[in-house]
């Protein structure tokens, strides 16, 4: 697998790839307005949106929010045409290489049954777990939906650095940030 990452800029062809994948893979109520994401691609010190190709075929992208020592993965999307072929894991490895000294955090919908073979949220959790992301014991809420906070540092993640991302996350009002202990 030879992945090539191309940083997305507001007028680049990769913008169309990102927009298409967002629309087809992220539910509307979980999707930030594309105009906001596109504007973020101008803020190269605060955001990193990179589209990945194998040859000339787009396979996915990530959209990260950045601070000095932490990275928040807002989106990791792999094209449905190539899912379950290792591209998601390869893209996560690229994030580790690009930001080796940073804690990388993300939110996932809380699975009803983390061991379920069928539930999408459980599959997503196990994917991140296999790739070194652990449940931190913390949750957050957005739009009435609770999410687990996963981190490359697991339960030892820096909550203060993560709170920076929560305050900049959607303008949805009060941020809920609770410690619930480990699984």
C-alpha atoms as a PDB file:
ATOM      1  CA  UNK A   1       0.000   0.000   0.000  1.00  0.00           C
ATOM      2  CA  UNK A   2       1.536   3.283  -1.150  1.00  0.00           C
ATOM      3  CA  UNK A   3      -0.471   6.178   0.243  1.00  0.00           C
ATOM      4  CA  UNK A   4       0.129   9.720  -0.917  1.00  0.00           C
ATOM      5  CA  UNK A   5      -1.221  12.492   1.319  1.00  0.00           C
ATOM      6  CA  UNK A   6      -2.193  15.835  -0.210  1.00  0.00           C
ATOM      7  CA  UNK A   7      -2.986  18.772   2.064  1.00  0.00           C
ATOM      8  CA  UNK A   8      -6.415  20.165   1.222  1.00  0.00           C
ATOM      9  CA  UNK A   9      -6.678  23.846   0.339  1.00  0.00           C
ATOM     10  CA  UNK A  10      -9.917  25.781  -0.308  1.00  0.00           C
ATOM     11  CA  UNK A  11      -9.558  25.700  -4.103  1.00  0.00           C
ATOM     12  CA  UNK A  12      -7.816  22.327  -4.502  1.00  0.00           C
ATOM     13  CA  UNK A  13      -9.459  19.371  -6.287  1.00  0.00           C
ATOM     14  CA  UNK A  14      -9.219  17.484  -2.972  1.00  0.00           C
ATOM     15  CA  UNK A  15     -11.958  19.774  -1.619  1.00  0.00           C
ATOM     16  CA  UNK A  16     -14.469  17.986  -3.876  1.00  0.00           C
ATOM     17  CA  UNK A  17     -13.266  14.580  -2.604  1.00  0.00           C
ATOM     18  CA  UNK A  18     -13.644  15.669   1.036  1.00  0.00           C
ATOM     19  CA  UNK A  19     -17.081  17.185   0.412  1.00  0.00           C
ATOM     20  CA  UNK A  20     -18.312  14.059  -1.355  1.00  0.00           C
ATOM     21  CA  UNK A  21     -17.016  11.674   1.329  1.00  0.00           C
ATOM     22  CA  UNK A  22     -18.414  13.840   4.125  1.00  0.00           C
ATOM     23  CA  UNK A  23     -21.834  13.937   2.523  1.00  0.00           C
ATOM     24  CA  UNK A  24     -21.930  10.206   1.802  1.00  0.00           C
ATOM     25  CA  UNK A  25     -20.350   8.903   5.041  1.00  0.00           C
ATOM     26  CA  UNK A  26     -21.178  11.306   7.887  1.00  0.00           C
ATOM     27  CA  UNK A  27     -24.803  11.741   9.014  1.00  0.00           C
ATOM     28  CA  UNK A  28     -26.019  15.299   8.494  1.00  0.00           C
ATOM     29  CA  UNK A  29     -26.599  15.903  12.212  1.00  0.00           C
ATOM     30  CA  UNK A  30     -22.937  14.934  12.919  1.00  0.00           C
ATOM     31  CA  UNK A  31     -21.453  16.909  10.031  1.00  0.00           C
ATOM     32  CA  UNK A  32     -20.024  20.392  10.401  1.00  0.00           C
ATOM     33  CA  UNK A  33     -20.956  22.792   7.602  1.00  0.00           C
ATOM     34  CA  UNK A  34     -18.561  22.247   4.721  1.00  0.00           C
ATOM     35  CA  UNK A  35     -17.977  26.009   4.404  1.00  0.00           C
ATOM     36  CA  UNK A  36     -16.575  26.034   7.969  1.00  0.00           C
ATOM     37  CA  UNK A  37     -14.301  23.083   7.256  1.00  0.00           C
ATOM     38  CA  UNK A  38     -13.167  24.614   3.973  1.00  0.00           C
ATOM     39  CA  UNK A  39     -12.351  27.880   5.725  1.00  0.00           C
ATOM     40  CA  UNK A  40     -10.344  25.901   8.289  1.00  0.00           C
ATOM     41  CA  UNK A  41      -8.036  24.666   5.523  1.00  0.00           C
ATOM     42  CA  UNK A  42      -6.697  28.223   5.342  1.00  0.00           C
ATOM     43  CA  UNK A  43      -5.689  28.030   9.018  1.00  0.00           C
ATOM     44  CA  UNK A  44      -2.729  25.694   8.567  1.00  0.00           C
ATOM     45  CA  UNK A  45      -1.467  26.162  12.129  1.00  0.00           C
ATOM     46  CA  UNK A  46      -4.866  25.256  13.612  1.00  0.00           C
ATOM     47  CA  UNK A  47      -6.167  22.638  11.158  1.00  0.00           C
ATOM     48  CA  UNK A  48      -4.810  19.861   8.991  1.00  0.00           C
ATOM     49  CA  UNK A  49      -7.075  18.401   6.352  1.00  0.00           C
ATOM     50  CA  UNK A  50      -5.255  15.815   4.246  1.00  0.00           C
ATOM     51  CA  UNK A  51      -6.693  13.689   1.458  1.00  0.00           C
ATOM     52  CA  UNK A  52      -5.081  10.307   0.742  1.00  0.00           C
ATOM     53  CA  UNK A  53      -4.634   8.578  -2.577  1.00  0.00           C
ATOM     54  CA  UNK A  54      -3.376   5.221  -3.709  1.00  0.00           C
ATOM     55  CA  UNK A  55      -2.199   6.002  -7.204  1.00  0.00           C
ATOM     56  CA  UNK A  56      -4.869   8.342  -8.571  1.00  0.00           C
ATOM     57  CA  UNK A  57      -7.691   6.819  -6.505  1.00  0.00           C
ATOM     58  CA  UNK A  58      -8.842   8.821  -3.466  1.00  0.00           C
ATOM     59  CA  UNK A  59      -9.144   6.457  -0.501  1.00  0.00           C
ATOM     60  CA  UNK A  60      -9.991   8.836   2.355  1.00  0.00           C
ATOM     61  CA  UNK A  61      -9.109  11.877   4.401  1.00  0.00           C
ATOM     62  CA  UNK A  62      -8.677  13.182   7.895  1.00  0.00           C
ATOM     63  CA  UNK A  63      -9.536  16.555   9.380  1.00  0.00           C
ATOM     64  CA  UNK A  64      -7.563  17.490  12.490  1.00  0.00           C
ATOM     65  CA  UNK A  65      -7.678  20.417  14.888  1.00  0.00           C
ATOM     66  CA  UNK A  66      -4.234  21.260  16.239  1.00  0.00           C
ATOM     67  CA  UNK A  67      -2.731  22.754  19.362  1.00  0.00           C
ATOM     68  CA  UNK A  68       0.845  22.802  20.610  1.00  0.00           C
ATOM     69  CA  UNK A  69       0.929  19.276  22.061  1.00  0.00           C
ATOM     70  CA  UNK A  70      -2.424  17.775  21.154  1.00  0.00           C
ATOM     71  CA  UNK A  71      -4.362  16.831  18.055  1.00  0.00           C
ATOM     72  CA  UNK A  72      -8.115  16.354  17.885  1.00  0.00           C
ATOM     73  CA  UNK A  73      -9.318  14.122  15.069  1.00  0.00           C
ATOM     74  CA  UNK A  74     -12.592  15.633  13.970  1.00  0.00           C
ATOM     75  CA  UNK A  75     -12.976  13.234  11.031  1.00  0.00           C
ATOM     76  CA  UNK A  76     -11.315  10.130   9.657  1.00  0.00           C
ATOM     77  CA  UNK A  77     -13.243   8.986   6.612  1.00  0.00           C
ATOM     78  CA  UNK A  78     -12.356   6.101   4.309  1.00  0.00           C
ATOM     79  CA  UNK A  79     -14.135   5.648   0.996  1.00  0.00           C
ATOM     80  CA  UNK A  80     -16.727   2.851   1.234  1.00  0.00           C
ATOM     81  CA  UNK A  81     -15.227   1.330  -1.935  1.00  0.00           C
ATOM     82  CA  UNK A  82     -11.991   0.492  -0.073  1.00  0.00           C
ATOM     83  CA  UNK A  83     -13.074  -0.006   3.545  1.00  0.00           C
ATOM     84  CA  UNK A  84     -11.702  -3.010   5.469  1.00  0.00           C
ATOM     85  CA  UNK A  85      -8.484  -3.019   3.436  1.00  0.00           C
ATOM     86  CA  UNK A  86      -6.206  -1.316   5.964  1.00  0.00           C
ATOM     87  CA  UNK A  87      -6.496   2.266   4.700  1.00  0.00           C
ATOM     88  CA  UNK A  88      -7.918   3.623   7.965  1.00  0.00           C
ATOM     89  CA  UNK A  89      -5.043   2.096   9.931  1.00  0.00           C
ATOM     90  CA  UNK A  90      -2.528   3.433   7.398  1.00  0.00           C
ATOM     91  CA  UNK A  91      -3.997   6.936   7.664  1.00  0.00           C
ATOM     92  CA  UNK A  92      -3.793   6.767  11.470  1.00  0.00           C
ATOM     93  CA  UNK A  93      -0.138   5.774  11.128  1.00  0.00           C
ATOM     94  CA  UNK A  94       0.430   8.869   8.969  1.00  0.00           C
ATOM     95  CA  UNK A  95      -1.048  11.022  11.752  1.00  0.00           C
ATOM     96  CA  UNK A  96       1.362   9.438  14.259  1.00  0.00           C
ATOM     97  CA  UNK A  97       4.308  10.132  11.939  1.00  0.00           C
ATOM     98  CA  UNK A  98       3.249  13.722  11.298  1.00  0.00           C
ATOM     99  CA  UNK A  99       2.559  14.505  14.980  1.00  0.00           C
ATOM    100  CA  UNK A 100       4.857  12.126  16.902  1.00  0.00           C
ATOM    101  CA  UNK A 101       4.974  14.044  20.201  1.00  0.00           C
ATOM    102  CA  UNK A 102       1.280  14.890  20.367  1.00  0.00           C
ATOM    103  CA  UNK A 103      -1.589  13.212  22.115  1.00  0.00           C
ATOM    104  CA  UNK A 104      -4.270  12.415  19.520  1.00  0.00           C
ATOM    105  CA  UNK A 105      -7.870  12.463  20.758  1.00  0.00           C
ATOM    106  CA  UNK A 106     -11.243  11.727  19.192  1.00  0.00           C
ATOM    107  CA  UNK A 107     -14.887  11.253  20.133  1.00  0.00           C
ATOM    108  CA  UNK A 108     -16.955   8.208  19.218  1.00  0.00           C
ATOM    109  CA  UNK A 109     -20.590   7.409  19.763  1.00  0.00           C
ATOM    110  CA  UNK A 110     -20.896   5.164  22.816  1.00  0.00           C
ATOM    111  CA  UNK A 111     -21.608   1.589  21.731  1.00  0.00           C
ATOM    112  CA  UNK A 112     -24.595  -0.099  23.336  1.00  0.00           C
ATOM    113  CA  UNK A 113     -22.537  -3.314  23.444  1.00  0.00           C
ATOM    114  CA  UNK A 114     -18.767  -2.871  22.803  1.00  0.00           C
ATOM    115  CA  UNK A 115     -18.487  -6.615  22.012  1.00  0.00           C
ATOM    116  CA  UNK A 116     -21.266  -6.601  19.388  1.00  0.00           C
ATOM    117  CA  UNK A 117     -20.273  -7.935  15.966  1.00  0.00           C
ATOM    118  CA  UNK A 118     -23.080  -6.010  14.229  1.00  0.00           C
ATOM    119  CA  UNK A 119     -23.359  -2.611  15.908  1.00  0.00           C
ATOM    120  CA  UNK A 120     -21.504   0.080  13.905  1.00  0.00           C
ATOM    121  CA  UNK A 121     -20.418   2.036  17.018  1.00  0.00           C
ATOM    122  CA  UNK A 122     -18.896  -1.152  18.504  1.00  0.00           C
ATOM    123  CA  UNK A 123     -17.015  -1.894  15.264  1.00  0.00           C
ATOM    124  CA  UNK A 124     -15.693   1.675  15.236  1.00  0.00           C
ATOM    125  CA  UNK A 125     -14.585   1.379  18.862  1.00  0.00           C
ATOM    126  CA  UNK A 126     -12.710  -1.877  18.203  1.00  0.00           C
ATOM    127  CA  UNK A 127     -11.051  -0.364  15.106  1.00  0.00           C
ATOM    128  CA  UNK A 128      -9.639   2.522  17.151  1.00  0.00           C
ATOM    129  CA  UNK A 129      -8.726   0.192  20.000  1.00  0.00           C
ATOM    130  CA  UNK A 130      -6.727  -2.040  17.589  1.00  0.00           C
ATOM    131  CA  UNK A 131      -4.953   1.110  16.432  1.00  0.00           C
ATOM    132  CA  UNK A 132      -3.844   2.159  19.915  1.00  0.00           C
ATOM    133  CA  UNK A 133      -6.663   4.499  20.969  1.00  0.00           C
ATOM    134  CA  UNK A 134      -8.125   3.795  24.383  1.00  0.00           C
ATOM    135  CA  UNK A 135     -11.202   4.967  26.216  1.00  0.00           C
ATOM    136  CA  UNK A 136     -10.060   7.668  28.628  1.00  0.00           C
ATOM    137  CA  UNK A 137     -12.848   7.297  31.172  1.00  0.00           C
ATOM    138  CA  UNK A 138     -14.204  10.679  30.029  1.00  0.00           C
ATOM    139  CA  UNK A 139     -17.317  11.509  28.013  1.00  0.00           C
ATOM    140  CA  UNK A 140     -18.654  14.591  26.306  1.00  0.00           C
ATOM    141  CA  UNK A 141     -22.039  15.523  24.909  1.00  0.00           C
ATOM    142  CA  UNK A 142     -22.992  17.343  21.739  1.00  0.00           C
ATOM    143  CA  UNK A 143     -26.508  17.903  20.486  1.00  0.00           C
ATOM    144  CA  UNK A 144     -27.934  15.564  23.115  1.00  0.00           C
ATOM    145  CA  UNK A 145     -25.651  12.681  22.084  1.00  0.00           C
ATOM    146  CA  UNK A 146     -23.013  11.355  24.499  1.00  0.00           C
ATOM    147  CA  UNK A 147     -19.595  10.353  23.186  1.00  0.00           C
ATOM    148  CA  UNK A 148     -16.646   8.485  24.619  1.00  0.00           C
ATOM    149  CA  UNK A 149     -13.349  10.332  24.457  1.00  0.00           C
ATOM    150  CA  UNK A 150     -10.588   8.100  23.097  1.00  0.00           C
ATOM    151  CA  UNK A 151      -6.929   9.052  23.124  1.00  0.00           C
ATOM    152  CA  UNK A 152      -3.585   7.750  21.949  1.00  0.00           C
ATOM    153  CA  UNK A 153      -2.562   8.296  25.596  1.00  0.00           C
ATOM    154  CA  UNK A 154      -5.523   6.361  26.975  1.00  0.00           C
ATOM    155  CA  UNK A 155      -6.596   7.243  30.519  1.00  0.00           C
ATOM    156  CA  UNK A 156      -3.375   9.273  30.981  1.00  0.00           C
ATOM    157  CA  UNK A 157      -4.437  11.853  28.414  1.00  0.00           C
ATOM    158  CA  UNK A 158      -4.165  15.558  29.279  1.00  0.00           C
ATOM    159  CA  UNK A 159      -7.689  16.761  30.016  1.00  0.00           C
ATOM    160  CA  UNK A 160      -6.671  20.428  29.933  1.00  0.00           C
ATOM    161  CA  UNK A 161      -5.395  20.114  26.382  1.00  0.00           C
ATOM    162  CA  UNK A 162      -8.592  18.342  25.383  1.00  0.00           C
ATOM    163  CA  UNK A 163     -10.780  21.029  26.939  1.00  0.00           C
ATOM    164  CA  UNK A 164      -9.143  23.463  24.500  1.00  0.00           C
ATOM    165  CA  UNK A 165     -10.694  21.482  21.665  1.00  0.00           C
ATOM    166  CA  UNK A 166     -14.077  21.277  23.321  1.00  0.00           C
ATOM    167  CA  UNK A 167     -14.264  25.039  23.691  1.00  0.00           C
ATOM    168  CA  UNK A 168     -13.539  25.417  19.984  1.00  0.00           C
ATOM    169  CA  UNK A 169     -15.784  22.586  18.876  1.00  0.00           C
ATOM    170  CA  UNK A 170     -19.195  23.496  17.428  1.00  0.00           C
ATOM    171  CA  UNK A 171     -20.918  26.622  18.783  1.00  0.00           C
ATOM    172  CA  UNK A 172     -23.562  24.465  20.420  1.00  0.00           C
ATOM    173  CA  UNK A 173     -23.586  26.072  23.841  1.00  0.00           C
ATOM    174  CA  UNK A 174     -22.443  24.386  27.021  1.00  0.00           C
ATOM    175  CA  UNK A 175     -19.922  21.608  26.703  1.00  0.00           C
ATOM    176  CA  UNK A 176     -20.424  18.567  28.884  1.00  0.00           C
ATOM    177  CA  UNK A 177     -17.187  16.904  29.981  1.00  0.00           C
ATOM    178  CA  UNK A 178     -17.562  14.131  32.570  1.00  0.00           C
ATOM    179  CA  UNK A 179     -15.248  11.574  34.112  1.00  0.00           C
ATOM    180  CA  UNK A 180     -16.858   8.150  34.315  1.00  0.00           C
ATOM    181  CA  UNK A 181     -13.869   5.905  34.974  1.00  0.00           C
ATOM    182  CA  UNK A 182     -12.515   3.179  32.728  1.00  0.00           C
ATOM    183  CA  UNK A 183     -14.348   0.306  31.101  1.00  0.00           C
END
